[in-house]
Amino acid sequence: MKMDKITMMMGFAIDETPVPEETLGFELPDSDAKVFSMGFRYQQTENLSWGAAFLYDSKEPRTVMQGATGNYINGSFNEGGAYLTTIGVSYEF
């Protein structure tokens, strides 16, 4: 039986923040983001597969001016983001 050994995956998303300026704070800053992901899965045997993936979440800068929207902060959120990695193994009985 022939089976495909490698599955490649790629993704892109635009993540719009649900946080309005009125409730934005330094304890939980948020802004719009672009999310990039990629990974692969290798089917070693009919029952065993393993893989790895990487995701980068790039946050856009956001500025809030004190009093403009009822918020008590005055400042900017810059260079935010996250890196996520995962490695997995799957065995089917």
N, C-alpha and C. Protein backbone atom coordinates (compact mmCIF):
# COMPACT_ATOMS: atom_id res chain seq x y z
N MET A 1 0.85 -1.18 0.00
CA MET A 1 0.00 0.00 0.00
C MET A 1 0.89 1.24 0.00
N LYS A 2 0.65 2.13 -0.95
CA LYS A 2 1.41 3.38 -1.03
C LYS A 2 0.75 4.43 -0.14
N MET A 3 1.56 5.16 0.63
CA MET A 3 1.03 6.27 1.42
C MET A 3 1.98 7.45 1.32
N ASP A 4 1.39 8.63 1.38
CA ASP A 4 2.20 9.84 1.38
C ASP A 4 2.94 9.94 2.70
N LYS A 5 4.23 10.19 2.65
CA LYS A 5 5.06 10.22 3.86
C LYS A 5 5.07 11.58 4.55
N ILE A 6 5.11 12.67 3.78
CA ILE A 6 5.26 13.99 4.39
C ILE A 6 4.06 14.88 4.03
N THR A 7 3.52 15.54 5.04
CA THR A 7 2.47 16.54 4.85
C THR A 7 3.03 17.87 5.32
N MET A 8 3.06 18.85 4.42
CA MET A 8 3.54 20.18 4.76
C MET A 8 2.33 21.08 5.02
N MET A 9 2.46 22.00 5.99
CA MET A 9 1.37 22.90 6.34
C MET A 9 1.89 24.32 6.45
N MET A 10 1.10 25.26 5.96
CA MET A 10 1.42 26.68 6.11
C MET A 10 0.12 27.43 6.34
N GLY A 11 0.21 28.53 7.08
CA GLY A 11 -0.99 29.30 7.35
C GLY A 11 -0.70 30.77 7.54
N PHE A 12 -1.73 31.58 7.35
CA PHE A 12 -1.65 33.01 7.57
C PHE A 12 -3.01 33.47 8.05
N ALA A 13 -3.03 34.36 9.04
CA ALA A 13 -4.30 34.90 9.55
C ALA A 13 -4.11 36.35 9.93
N ILE A 14 -5.20 37.10 9.84
CA ILE A 14 -5.24 38.47 10.34
C ILE A 14 -6.11 38.44 11.58
N ASP A 15 -5.54 38.80 12.71
CA ASP A 15 -6.22 38.74 14.00
C ASP A 15 -6.57 40.16 14.44
N GLU A 16 -7.84 40.51 14.35
CA GLU A 16 -8.27 41.84 14.77
C GLU A 16 -8.62 41.81 16.25
N THR A 17 -8.07 42.75 17.01
CA THR A 17 -8.29 42.77 18.46
C THR A 17 -9.74 43.08 18.79
N PRO A 18 -10.30 42.39 19.80
CA PRO A 18 -11.64 42.72 20.26
C PRO A 18 -11.64 43.76 21.38
N VAL A 19 -10.44 44.19 21.81
CA VAL A 19 -10.32 45.08 22.97
C VAL A 19 -10.47 46.54 22.52
N PRO A 20 -11.54 47.23 22.96
CA PRO A 20 -11.69 48.65 22.62
C PRO A 20 -10.73 49.51 23.45
N GLU A 21 -10.46 50.73 22.98
CA GLU A 21 -9.53 51.61 23.69
C GLU A 21 -10.00 51.92 25.11
N GLU A 22 -11.30 51.92 25.34
CA GLU A 22 -11.83 52.26 26.68
C GLU A 22 -11.38 51.27 27.75
N THR A 23 -11.14 50.02 27.37
CA THR A 23 -10.77 49.01 28.37
C THR A 23 -9.34 48.50 28.20
N LEU A 24 -8.58 49.10 27.30
CA LEU A 24 -7.20 48.68 27.08
C LEU A 24 -6.35 49.06 28.28
N GLY A 25 -5.47 48.17 28.71
CA GLY A 25 -4.61 48.45 29.84
C GLY A 25 -3.25 47.79 29.70
N PHE A 26 -2.31 48.22 30.54
CA PHE A 26 -0.96 47.65 30.49
C PHE A 26 -0.92 46.23 31.02
N GLU A 27 -1.92 45.85 31.85
CA GLU A 27 -1.93 44.48 32.38
C GLU A 27 -2.30 43.46 31.31
N LEU A 28 -3.01 43.88 30.26
CA LEU A 28 -3.36 42.98 29.17
C LEU A 28 -3.45 43.78 27.87
N PRO A 29 -2.31 44.21 27.33
CA PRO A 29 -2.34 44.99 26.10
C PRO A 29 -2.74 44.10 24.92
N ASP A 30 -3.35 44.69 23.93
CA ASP A 30 -3.72 43.93 22.75
C ASP A 30 -3.79 44.87 21.55
N SER A 31 -3.50 44.34 20.39
CA SER A 31 -3.60 45.09 19.14
C SER A 31 -3.84 44.10 18.01
N ASP A 32 -4.13 44.62 16.84
CA ASP A 32 -4.29 43.77 15.67
C ASP A 32 -2.97 43.04 15.41
N ALA A 33 -3.06 41.88 14.76
CA ALA A 33 -1.86 41.09 14.53
C ALA A 33 -1.95 40.36 13.20
N LYS A 34 -0.79 40.00 12.72
CA LYS A 34 -0.66 39.08 11.59
C LYS A 34 -0.02 37.81 12.14
N VAL A 35 -0.59 36.67 11.79
CA VAL A 35 -0.14 35.39 12.33
C VAL A 35 0.36 34.52 11.16
N PHE A 36 1.59 34.02 11.29
CA PHE A 36 2.21 33.17 10.28
C PHE A 36 2.52 31.82 10.92
N SER A 37 2.22 30.73 10.22
CA SER A 37 2.50 29.41 10.77
C SER A 37 3.00 28.47 9.68
N MET A 38 3.76 27.47 10.11
CA MET A 38 4.25 26.44 9.20
C MET A 38 4.59 25.19 9.99
N GLY A 39 4.51 24.06 9.34
CA GLY A 39 4.83 22.82 10.02
C GLY A 39 4.83 21.66 9.05
N PHE A 40 5.07 20.46 9.61
CA PHE A 40 5.06 19.25 8.79
C PHE A 40 4.67 18.06 9.67
N ARG A 41 4.21 17.03 8.99
CA ARG A 41 3.96 15.75 9.66
C ARG A 41 4.58 14.66 8.80
N TYR A 42 5.30 13.75 9.44
CA TYR A 42 5.95 12.64 8.75
C TYR A 42 5.27 11.34 9.16
N GLN A 43 4.74 10.61 8.19
CA GLN A 43 4.07 9.33 8.44
C GLN A 43 5.13 8.24 8.33
N GLN A 44 5.69 7.84 9.48
CA GLN A 44 6.80 6.90 9.49
C GLN A 44 6.33 5.49 9.14
N THR A 45 5.25 5.05 9.77
CA THR A 45 4.63 3.77 9.45
C THR A 45 3.13 4.01 9.31
N GLU A 46 2.38 2.96 9.03
CA GLU A 46 0.94 3.10 8.91
C GLU A 46 0.31 3.61 10.21
N ASN A 47 0.91 3.26 11.35
CA ASN A 47 0.35 3.64 12.65
C ASN A 47 1.08 4.80 13.34
N LEU A 48 2.31 5.08 12.96
CA LEU A 48 3.13 6.05 13.68
C LEU A 48 3.42 7.28 12.80
N SER A 49 3.11 8.46 13.34
CA SER A 49 3.47 9.71 12.67
C SER A 49 4.00 10.68 13.71
N TRP A 50 4.80 11.62 13.25
CA TRP A 50 5.33 12.66 14.13
C TRP A 50 5.50 13.93 13.31
N GLY A 51 5.58 15.05 14.03
CA GLY A 51 5.69 16.30 13.32
C GLY A 51 6.10 17.45 14.21
N ALA A 52 6.23 18.60 13.60
CA ALA A 52 6.62 19.81 14.32
C ALA A 52 5.96 21.00 13.62
N ALA A 53 5.74 22.06 14.40
CA ALA A 53 5.13 23.27 13.84
C ALA A 53 5.67 24.50 14.55
N PHE A 54 5.59 25.63 13.86
CA PHE A 54 6.06 26.90 14.39
C PHE A 54 5.04 27.97 14.03
N LEU A 55 4.77 28.89 14.96
CA LEU A 55 3.83 29.99 14.72
C LEU A 55 4.45 31.28 15.24
N TYR A 56 4.29 32.36 14.47
CA TYR A 56 4.74 33.68 14.89
C TYR A 56 3.56 34.63 14.84
N ASP A 57 3.29 35.30 15.94
CA ASP A 57 2.19 36.26 16.08
C ASP A 57 2.82 37.64 16.18
N SER A 58 2.67 38.45 15.12
CA SER A 58 3.29 39.77 15.06
C SER A 58 2.25 40.85 15.35
N LYS A 59 2.35 41.47 16.53
CA LYS A 59 1.40 42.50 16.93
C LYS A 59 1.77 43.85 16.31
N GLU A 60 0.75 44.59 15.90
CA GLU A 60 0.96 45.93 15.35
C GLU A 60 1.02 46.95 16.49
N PRO A 61 1.77 48.04 16.31
CA PRO A 61 1.83 49.09 17.34
C PRO A 61 0.43 49.69 17.59
N ARG A 62 0.20 50.10 18.83
CA ARG A 62 -1.08 50.73 19.19
C ARG A 62 -0.81 51.83 20.21
N THR A 63 -1.40 52.99 19.97
CA THR A 63 -1.23 54.14 20.86
C THR A 63 -2.57 54.55 21.43
N VAL A 64 -2.57 54.87 22.73
CA VAL A 64 -3.78 55.33 23.42
C VAL A 64 -3.44 56.66 24.09
N MET A 65 -4.27 57.65 23.86
CA MET A 65 -4.07 58.96 24.47
C MET A 65 -5.00 59.11 25.67
N GLN A 66 -4.46 59.53 26.78
CA GLN A 66 -5.23 59.66 28.03
C GLN A 66 -6.42 60.59 27.85
N GLY A 67 -7.57 60.14 28.31
CA GLY A 67 -8.77 60.95 28.28
C GLY A 67 -9.49 60.97 26.95
N ALA A 68 -8.85 60.57 25.88
CA ALA A 68 -9.49 60.63 24.57
C ALA A 68 -10.68 59.69 24.46
N THR A 69 -10.61 58.55 25.16
CA THR A 69 -11.70 57.58 25.09
C THR A 69 -12.16 57.16 26.48
N GLY A 70 -11.89 57.95 27.49
CA GLY A 70 -12.28 57.58 28.85
C GLY A 70 -11.27 56.67 29.53
N ASN A 71 -10.15 56.42 28.88
CA ASN A 71 -9.12 55.57 29.45
C ASN A 71 -8.14 56.43 30.25
N TYR A 72 -7.53 55.84 31.27
CA TYR A 72 -6.61 56.59 32.14
C TYR A 72 -5.15 56.30 31.84
N ILE A 73 -4.87 55.68 30.70
CA ILE A 73 -3.48 55.44 30.33
C ILE A 73 -3.10 56.34 29.17
N ASN A 74 -1.82 56.58 29.05
CA ASN A 74 -1.30 57.40 27.97
C ASN A 74 -0.01 56.73 27.52
N GLY A 75 -0.03 56.12 26.37
CA GLY A 75 1.19 55.47 25.93
C GLY A 75 0.98 54.61 24.70
N SER A 76 2.03 53.85 24.38
CA SER A 76 2.03 53.01 23.19
C SER A 76 2.43 51.59 23.54
N PHE A 77 1.92 50.66 22.77
CA PHE A 77 2.32 49.27 22.84
C PHE A 77 3.05 48.97 21.54
N ASN A 78 4.32 48.60 21.62
CA ASN A 78 5.15 48.36 20.44
C ASN A 78 5.87 47.04 20.54
N GLU A 79 6.19 46.47 19.40
CA GLU A 79 7.03 45.28 19.28
C GLU A 79 6.50 44.09 20.06
N GLY A 80 5.20 43.94 20.14
CA GLY A 80 4.61 42.77 20.80
C GLY A 80 4.52 41.60 19.85
N GLY A 81 4.38 40.44 20.42
CA GLY A 81 4.23 39.25 19.59
C GLY A 81 4.53 38.01 20.39
N ALA A 82 4.47 36.89 19.71
CA ALA A 82 4.73 35.61 20.38
C ALA A 82 5.28 34.61 19.37
N TYR A 83 6.11 33.70 19.88
CA TYR A 83 6.63 32.57 19.12
C TYR A 83 6.10 31.31 19.79
N LEU A 84 5.53 30.42 19.02
CA LEU A 84 5.04 29.16 19.56
C LEU A 84 5.63 28.02 18.75
N THR A 85 6.07 26.98 19.43
CA THR A 85 6.57 25.79 18.75
C THR A 85 5.91 24.56 19.36
N THR A 86 5.80 23.53 18.58
CA THR A 86 5.24 22.27 19.07
C THR A 86 5.88 21.11 18.34
N ILE A 87 6.02 20.01 19.05
CA ILE A 87 6.49 18.75 18.49
C ILE A 87 5.52 17.68 18.98
N GLY A 88 5.08 16.83 18.08
CA GLY A 88 4.10 15.82 18.48
C GLY A 88 4.37 14.48 17.86
N VAL A 89 3.89 13.45 18.55
CA VAL A 89 3.97 12.07 18.08
C VAL A 89 2.58 11.47 18.20
N SER A 90 2.17 10.72 17.18
CA SER A 90 0.86 10.08 17.20
C SER A 90 1.01 8.62 16.84
N TYR A 91 0.39 7.75 17.65
CA TYR A 91 0.36 6.32 17.34
C TYR A 91 -1.09 5.87 17.37
N GLU A 92 -1.55 5.28 16.28
CA GLU A 92 -2.92 4.81 16.17
C GLU A 92 -2.96 3.30 16.33
N PHE A 93 -3.85 2.83 17.21
CA PHE A 93 -3.99 1.40 17.47
C PHE A 93 -5.01 0.78 16.56
